[in-house]
């Protein structure tokens, strides 16, 4: 019996010795997969001299390399966007001068050039916004914010644009929606982009509905902001893809409606910066429903 007990203890310690670092490494891998590429591998694991330690060191080297590549990509996009702003501004001035000197023959062509330059200018603006959101994700500051006031301002501005498109934006939220700890600028950008996306596709004479409410998810308390349009929706197998930068569905939401393809990507980055998430679904009545869920921070509970 003594020998058996000793063997059992030895097996337990051996299993613990082998499994514990794998559990720790798995935890790090989950953090990296959620977007936290700078999550370090614990020294206890990577300093081992066996194959597990070698795996941990290789994993950390891979994440550092990915971080470097992503940062270089972001810097390139940011720098190019800044550089393009100057020639675009000059193009606008040149167009205005050409319009004053030209006759009716060239008017249509100049208007087309102006429209295309405005599209390019909007895309560059969205690229810069995406870069700013990504840069702010690692050091987001939070404060007590009146979410209802933010939504009211966004909807008011959106309705100003919507009226010219013969559309409207409606807002619904409970009277007891209390202030929560958020980054007001990131949330404003996110909701604004989702609403504009909805306005782009909802038919004339219809409304984009914005709704805010408290909602628990996975045992965590949070606040949910949903935006519902009456447009054609997207293919079900592309619902997760529409939050990728520049992703376009070819079936129902085409380039003819305009937009840069970056609005929902900006909204997703803002949601992730708060530790929340964003998703889209096809409601029974048609259209597209986008929900951004933000967890309540400890001081809000």
Protein backbone atom coordinates (compact mmCIF):
# COMPACT_ATOMS: atom_id res chain seq x y z
CA UNK A 1 0.00 0.00 0.00
CA UNK A 2 2.82 2.38 0.83
CA UNK A 3 4.40 1.78 -2.58
CA UNK A 4 1.07 2.34 -4.32
CA UNK A 5 0.46 5.55 -2.43
CA UNK A 6 3.93 6.79 -3.29
CA UNK A 7 3.33 5.95 -6.96
CA UNK A 8 0.04 7.79 -6.94
CA UNK A 9 1.60 10.89 -5.37
CA UNK A 10 4.44 10.77 -7.90
CA UNK A 11 1.99 10.48 -10.81
CA UNK A 12 -0.07 13.37 -9.46
CA UNK A 13 2.98 15.60 -9.09
CA UNK A 14 4.22 14.65 -12.56
CA UNK A 15 0.83 15.39 -14.11
CA UNK A 16 0.72 18.70 -12.26
CA UNK A 17 4.24 19.53 -13.43
CA UNK A 18 3.27 18.91 -17.06
CA UNK A 19 -0.27 20.25 -17.11
CA UNK A 20 0.10 23.44 -15.07
CA UNK A 21 2.33 25.27 -17.59
CA UNK A 22 0.07 24.15 -20.44
CA UNK A 23 -2.94 25.61 -18.63
CA UNK A 24 -1.05 28.88 -18.12
CA UNK A 25 0.04 28.95 -21.76
CA UNK A 26 -3.52 28.20 -22.88
CA UNK A 27 -4.77 31.18 -20.83
CA UNK A 28 -2.21 33.41 -22.55
CA UNK A 29 -3.25 32.06 -25.96
CA UNK A 30 -6.91 32.89 -25.25
CA UNK A 31 -5.94 36.44 -24.31
CA UNK A 32 -3.93 36.81 -27.53
CA UNK A 33 -6.77 35.40 -29.62
CA UNK A 34 -9.12 38.03 -28.15
CA UNK A 35 -6.87 40.76 -29.53
CA UNK A 36 -4.46 41.36 -26.62
CA UNK A 37 -1.30 40.58 -28.59
CA UNK A 38 0.96 42.13 -25.95
CA UNK A 39 -0.05 39.56 -23.30
CA UNK A 40 3.26 38.19 -21.94
CA UNK A 41 3.99 34.52 -21.37
CA UNK A 42 4.66 33.88 -17.69
CA UNK A 43 8.34 33.51 -16.76
CA UNK A 44 7.51 30.33 -14.89
CA UNK A 45 6.54 28.74 -18.20
CA UNK A 46 8.98 30.21 -20.72
CA UNK A 47 12.02 29.70 -18.46
CA UNK A 48 11.54 25.93 -18.41
CA UNK A 49 14.29 23.93 -20.11
CA UNK A 50 12.01 21.30 -21.64
CA UNK A 51 9.84 21.23 -24.77
CA UNK A 52 7.06 23.16 -23.01
CA UNK A 53 9.44 26.02 -22.30
CA UNK A 54 10.60 25.99 -25.92
CA UNK A 55 6.96 26.10 -27.06
CA UNK A 56 6.27 29.05 -24.74
CA UNK A 57 9.30 30.98 -26.03
CA UNK A 58 8.30 30.32 -29.63
CA UNK A 59 4.75 31.45 -28.88
CA UNK A 60 5.97 34.70 -27.32
CA UNK A 61 8.32 35.37 -30.26
CA UNK A 62 5.40 34.84 -32.65
CA UNK A 63 3.14 37.31 -30.80
CA UNK A 64 5.91 39.92 -30.69
CA UNK A 65 6.44 39.52 -34.44
CA UNK A 66 2.70 39.85 -35.09
CA UNK A 67 2.55 42.95 -32.91
CA UNK A 68 5.41 44.52 -34.85
CA UNK A 69 3.78 43.74 -38.20
CA UNK A 70 0.39 45.10 -37.13
CA UNK A 71 1.91 48.29 -35.75
CA UNK A 72 3.86 48.81 -38.97
CA UNK A 73 0.65 48.31 -40.96
CA UNK A 74 -1.25 50.80 -38.80
CA UNK A 75 1.55 53.34 -39.05
CA UNK A 76 1.65 52.97 -42.83
CA UNK A 77 -2.11 53.50 -43.16
CA UNK A 78 -1.99 56.46 -40.79
CA UNK A 79 0.95 58.11 -42.60
CA UNK A 80 -0.52 57.57 -46.06
CA UNK A 81 -3.87 58.97 -44.92
CA UNK A 82 -2.22 62.11 -43.57
CA UNK A 83 -0.19 62.58 -46.74
CA UNK A 84 -3.27 62.25 -48.95
CA UNK A 85 -5.15 64.98 -47.12
CA UNK A 86 -2.95 67.76 -48.54
CA UNK A 87 -3.34 66.95 -52.26
CA UNK A 88 -7.07 66.43 -51.73
CA UNK A 89 -7.38 69.90 -50.23
CA UNK A 90 -5.52 71.33 -53.21
CA UNK A 91 -7.78 69.40 -55.55
CA UNK A 92 -10.81 70.98 -53.91
CA UNK A 93 -9.41 74.46 -54.45
CA UNK A 94 -8.52 73.65 -58.07
CA UNK A 95 -12.03 72.33 -58.69
CA UNK A 96 -13.60 75.49 -57.35
CA UNK A 97 -11.40 77.65 -59.58
CA UNK A 98 -12.12 75.45 -62.60
CA UNK A 99 -15.86 75.69 -61.95
CA UNK A 100 -15.73 79.48 -61.96
CA UNK A 101 -13.81 79.59 -65.24
CA UNK A 102 -15.56 76.77 -67.05
CA UNK A 103 -18.76 76.78 -69.06
CA UNK A 104 -21.80 74.49 -68.96
CA UNK A 105 -20.03 71.90 -71.13
CA UNK A 106 -17.60 70.87 -68.40
CA UNK A 107 -19.96 71.38 -65.44
CA UNK A 108 -21.10 67.73 -65.29
CA UNK A 109 -17.55 66.43 -65.41
CA UNK A 110 -16.40 68.76 -62.65
CA UNK A 111 -19.32 67.74 -60.45
CA UNK A 112 -18.39 64.10 -60.95
CA UNK A 113 -14.77 64.80 -59.99
CA UNK A 114 -16.00 66.63 -56.89
CA UNK A 115 -18.21 63.72 -55.83
CA UNK A 116 -15.39 61.22 -56.23
CA UNK A 117 -12.97 63.42 -54.31
CA UNK A 118 -15.52 63.72 -51.48
CA UNK A 119 -15.78 59.91 -51.35
CA UNK A 120 -11.99 59.65 -51.17
CA UNK A 121 -11.88 62.33 -48.48
CA UNK A 122 -14.49 60.48 -46.40
CA UNK A 123 -12.53 57.25 -46.73
CA UNK A 124 -9.34 58.92 -45.55
CA UNK A 125 -11.23 60.40 -42.61
CA UNK A 126 -12.51 56.95 -41.66
CA UNK A 127 -9.01 55.49 -41.95
CA UNK A 128 -7.68 58.14 -39.59
CA UNK A 129 -10.56 57.47 -37.17
CA UNK A 130 -9.80 53.74 -37.24
CA UNK A 131 -6.13 54.45 -36.56
CA UNK A 132 -7.00 56.71 -33.64
CA UNK A 133 -9.32 54.13 -32.10
CA UNK A 134 -6.68 51.40 -32.43
CA UNK A 135 -4.07 53.68 -30.88
CA UNK A 136 -6.36 54.49 -27.94
CA UNK A 137 -7.31 50.89 -27.18
CA UNK A 138 -4.34 50.27 -24.86
CA UNK A 139 -4.92 53.37 -22.73
CA UNK A 140 -8.63 54.13 -22.75
CA UNK A 141 -9.82 56.43 -19.98
CA UNK A 142 -13.30 56.05 -18.52
CA UNK A 143 -15.58 58.47 -16.74
CA UNK A 144 -19.18 58.64 -15.64
CA UNK A 145 -21.15 59.48 -18.76
CA UNK A 146 -24.80 60.17 -19.51
CA UNK A 147 -25.26 57.61 -22.29
CA UNK A 148 -28.75 58.92 -23.06
CA UNK A 149 -27.33 62.37 -23.78
CA UNK A 150 -24.72 60.91 -26.13
CA UNK A 151 -27.38 58.97 -28.02
CA UNK A 152 -29.64 62.02 -28.25
CA UNK A 153 -26.83 64.11 -29.76
CA UNK A 154 -25.93 61.39 -32.27
CA UNK A 155 -29.58 60.92 -33.30
CA UNK A 156 -30.13 64.68 -33.60
CA UNK A 157 -27.13 65.03 -35.93
CA UNK A 158 -28.15 61.93 -37.89
CA UNK A 159 -31.68 63.24 -38.39
CA UNK A 160 -30.27 66.44 -39.84
CA UNK A 161 -28.68 64.33 -42.59
CA UNK A 162 -31.56 61.85 -42.78
CA UNK A 163 -34.18 64.47 -43.64
CA UNK A 164 -32.38 65.27 -46.88
CA UNK A 165 -32.47 61.53 -47.68
CA UNK A 166 -36.20 61.30 -46.81
CA UNK A 167 -35.44 59.05 -43.88
CA UNK A 168 -35.44 59.48 -40.12
CA UNK A 169 -33.83 58.14 -36.93
CA UNK A 170 -35.81 57.19 -33.84
CA UNK A 171 -34.42 56.78 -30.32
CA UNK A 172 -35.86 54.75 -27.45
CA UNK A 173 -34.36 54.28 -23.98
CA UNK A 174 -35.80 53.73 -20.48
CA UNK A 175 -36.27 56.66 -18.14
CA UNK A 176 -34.09 54.95 -15.52
CA UNK A 177 -31.05 54.58 -17.81
CA UNK A 178 -28.44 55.78 -15.33
CA UNK A 179 -25.01 57.27 -16.16
CA UNK A 180 -22.33 54.62 -16.74
CA UNK A 181 -18.53 54.59 -16.85
CA UNK A 182 -17.51 54.82 -20.51
CA UNK A 183 -15.23 56.64 -22.90
CA UNK A 184 -17.71 59.09 -24.36
CA UNK A 185 -15.75 59.84 -27.55
CA UNK A 186 -15.29 56.18 -28.51
CA UNK A 187 -18.94 55.37 -27.81
CA UNK A 188 -20.10 58.41 -29.78
CA UNK A 189 -17.97 57.41 -32.78
CA UNK A 190 -19.22 53.83 -32.62
CA UNK A 191 -22.93 54.67 -32.45
CA UNK A 192 -22.58 57.38 -35.09
CA UNK A 193 -21.00 54.95 -37.54
CA UNK A 194 -23.60 52.24 -36.92
CA UNK A 195 -26.46 54.73 -37.39
CA UNK A 196 -24.96 56.13 -40.59
CA UNK A 197 -24.52 52.61 -41.88
CA UNK A 198 -28.22 51.97 -41.24
CA UNK A 199 -29.27 55.21 -42.92
CA UNK A 200 -27.28 54.28 -45.98
CA UNK A 201 -29.41 51.20 -46.60
CA UNK A 202 -32.84 51.82 -45.10
CA UNK A 203 -35.38 52.76 -47.85
CA UNK A 204 -36.87 56.23 -48.24
CA UNK A 205 -39.79 56.85 -45.93
CA UNK A 206 -38.52 54.43 -43.26
CA UNK A 207 -36.70 54.94 -39.98
CA UNK A 208 -33.55 53.63 -38.36
CA UNK A 209 -34.38 52.65 -34.78
CA UNK A 210 -31.85 53.17 -31.98
CA UNK A 211 -32.54 51.54 -28.62
CA UNK A 212 -30.57 51.47 -25.37
CA UNK A 213 -31.22 49.26 -22.35
CA UNK A 214 -29.54 47.40 -19.52
CA UNK A 215 -28.78 43.81 -20.51
CA UNK A 216 -26.98 40.94 -18.80
CA UNK A 217 -24.75 38.71 -20.89
CA UNK A 218 -22.83 35.69 -19.66
CA UNK A 219 -23.59 36.62 -16.08
CA UNK A 220 -22.16 40.13 -16.56
CA UNK A 221 -24.22 43.30 -16.31
CA UNK A 222 -23.95 45.72 -19.19
CA UNK A 223 -25.67 48.21 -21.42
CA UNK A 224 -26.87 47.35 -24.91
CA UNK A 225 -27.24 49.78 -27.82
CA UNK A 226 -29.04 48.35 -30.85
CA UNK A 227 -29.51 49.93 -34.27
CA UNK A 228 -32.15 48.46 -36.60
CA UNK A 229 -32.61 49.47 -40.23
CA UNK A 230 -35.18 48.36 -42.80
CA UNK A 231 -32.68 47.66 -45.57
CA UNK A 232 -32.04 44.45 -47.51
CA UNK A 233 -29.85 42.93 -44.79
CA UNK A 234 -26.80 40.81 -45.57
CA UNK A 235 -26.28 37.10 -46.30
CA UNK A 236 -26.38 35.18 -43.02
CA UNK A 237 -22.93 33.65 -43.56
CA UNK A 238 -21.42 37.15 -43.83
CA UNK A 239 -22.77 38.59 -40.57
CA UNK A 240 -19.43 38.23 -38.80
CA UNK A 241 -17.45 39.52 -41.78
CA UNK A 242 -19.08 42.95 -42.06
CA UNK A 243 -17.02 44.25 -39.13
CA UNK A 244 -13.77 43.73 -41.02
CA UNK A 245 -12.21 46.87 -42.58
CA UNK A 246 -13.21 47.38 -46.23
CA UNK A 247 -15.40 44.25 -46.26
CA UNK A 248 -18.27 44.52 -48.72
CA UNK A 249 -21.13 42.17 -49.39
CA UNK A 250 -21.74 41.73 -53.08
CA UNK A 251 -25.33 40.52 -52.80
CA UNK A 252 -27.53 43.11 -51.13
CA UNK A 253 -25.39 45.95 -49.82
CA UNK A 254 -23.33 47.09 -52.79
CA UNK A 255 -20.88 49.90 -53.37
CA UNK A 256 -23.61 51.88 -55.10
CA UNK A 257 -24.83 53.00 -51.70
CA UNK A 258 -21.51 54.67 -50.89
CA UNK A 259 -19.50 54.46 -47.69
CA UNK A 260 -15.92 53.47 -47.08
CA UNK A 261 -16.47 50.05 -45.53
CA UNK A 262 -14.80 51.20 -42.30
CA UNK A 263 -17.70 52.40 -40.14
CA UNK A 264 -18.55 49.06 -38.55
CA UNK A 265 -14.85 48.23 -38.10
CA UNK A 266 -14.46 51.45 -36.09
CA UNK A 267 -17.50 50.52 -34.00
CA UNK A 268 -16.07 47.07 -33.28
CA UNK A 269 -12.74 48.53 -32.13
CA UNK A 270 -14.58 50.92 -29.80
CA UNK A 271 -16.62 48.06 -28.32
CA UNK A 272 -13.51 45.91 -27.77
CA UNK A 273 -11.73 48.85 -26.10
CA UNK A 274 -14.50 48.77 -23.47
CA UNK A 275 -14.21 45.01 -23.00
CA UNK A 276 -17.50 44.54 -24.81
CA UNK A 277 -18.45 43.22 -28.22
CA UNK A 278 -20.59 43.89 -31.26
CA UNK A 279 -22.65 41.60 -33.45
CA UNK A 280 -25.21 41.68 -36.23
CA UNK A 281 -28.28 39.58 -36.87
CA UNK A 282 -31.17 39.34 -39.30
CA UNK A 283 -34.43 40.12 -37.44
CA UNK A 284 -37.69 38.40 -38.47
CA UNK A 285 -39.14 41.60 -39.91
CA UNK A 286 -36.21 42.14 -42.26
CA UNK A 287 -33.37 44.63 -42.27
CA UNK A 288 -30.20 44.43 -40.21
CA UNK A 289 -29.89 44.66 -36.42
CA UNK A 290 -26.49 45.67 -35.02
CA UNK A 291 -25.98 45.41 -31.26
CA UNK A 292 -23.09 46.89 -29.32
CA UNK A 293 -22.84 45.55 -25.77
CA UNK A 294 -20.65 47.26 -23.19
CA UNK A 295 -20.04 45.74 -19.74
CA UNK A 296 -20.66 47.89 -16.70
CA UNK A 297 -17.48 48.58 -14.81
CA UNK A 298 -17.31 47.82 -11.09
CA UNK A 299 -18.12 51.38 -9.97
CA UNK A 300 -21.32 51.35 -12.02
CA UNK A 301 -22.85 48.25 -10.42
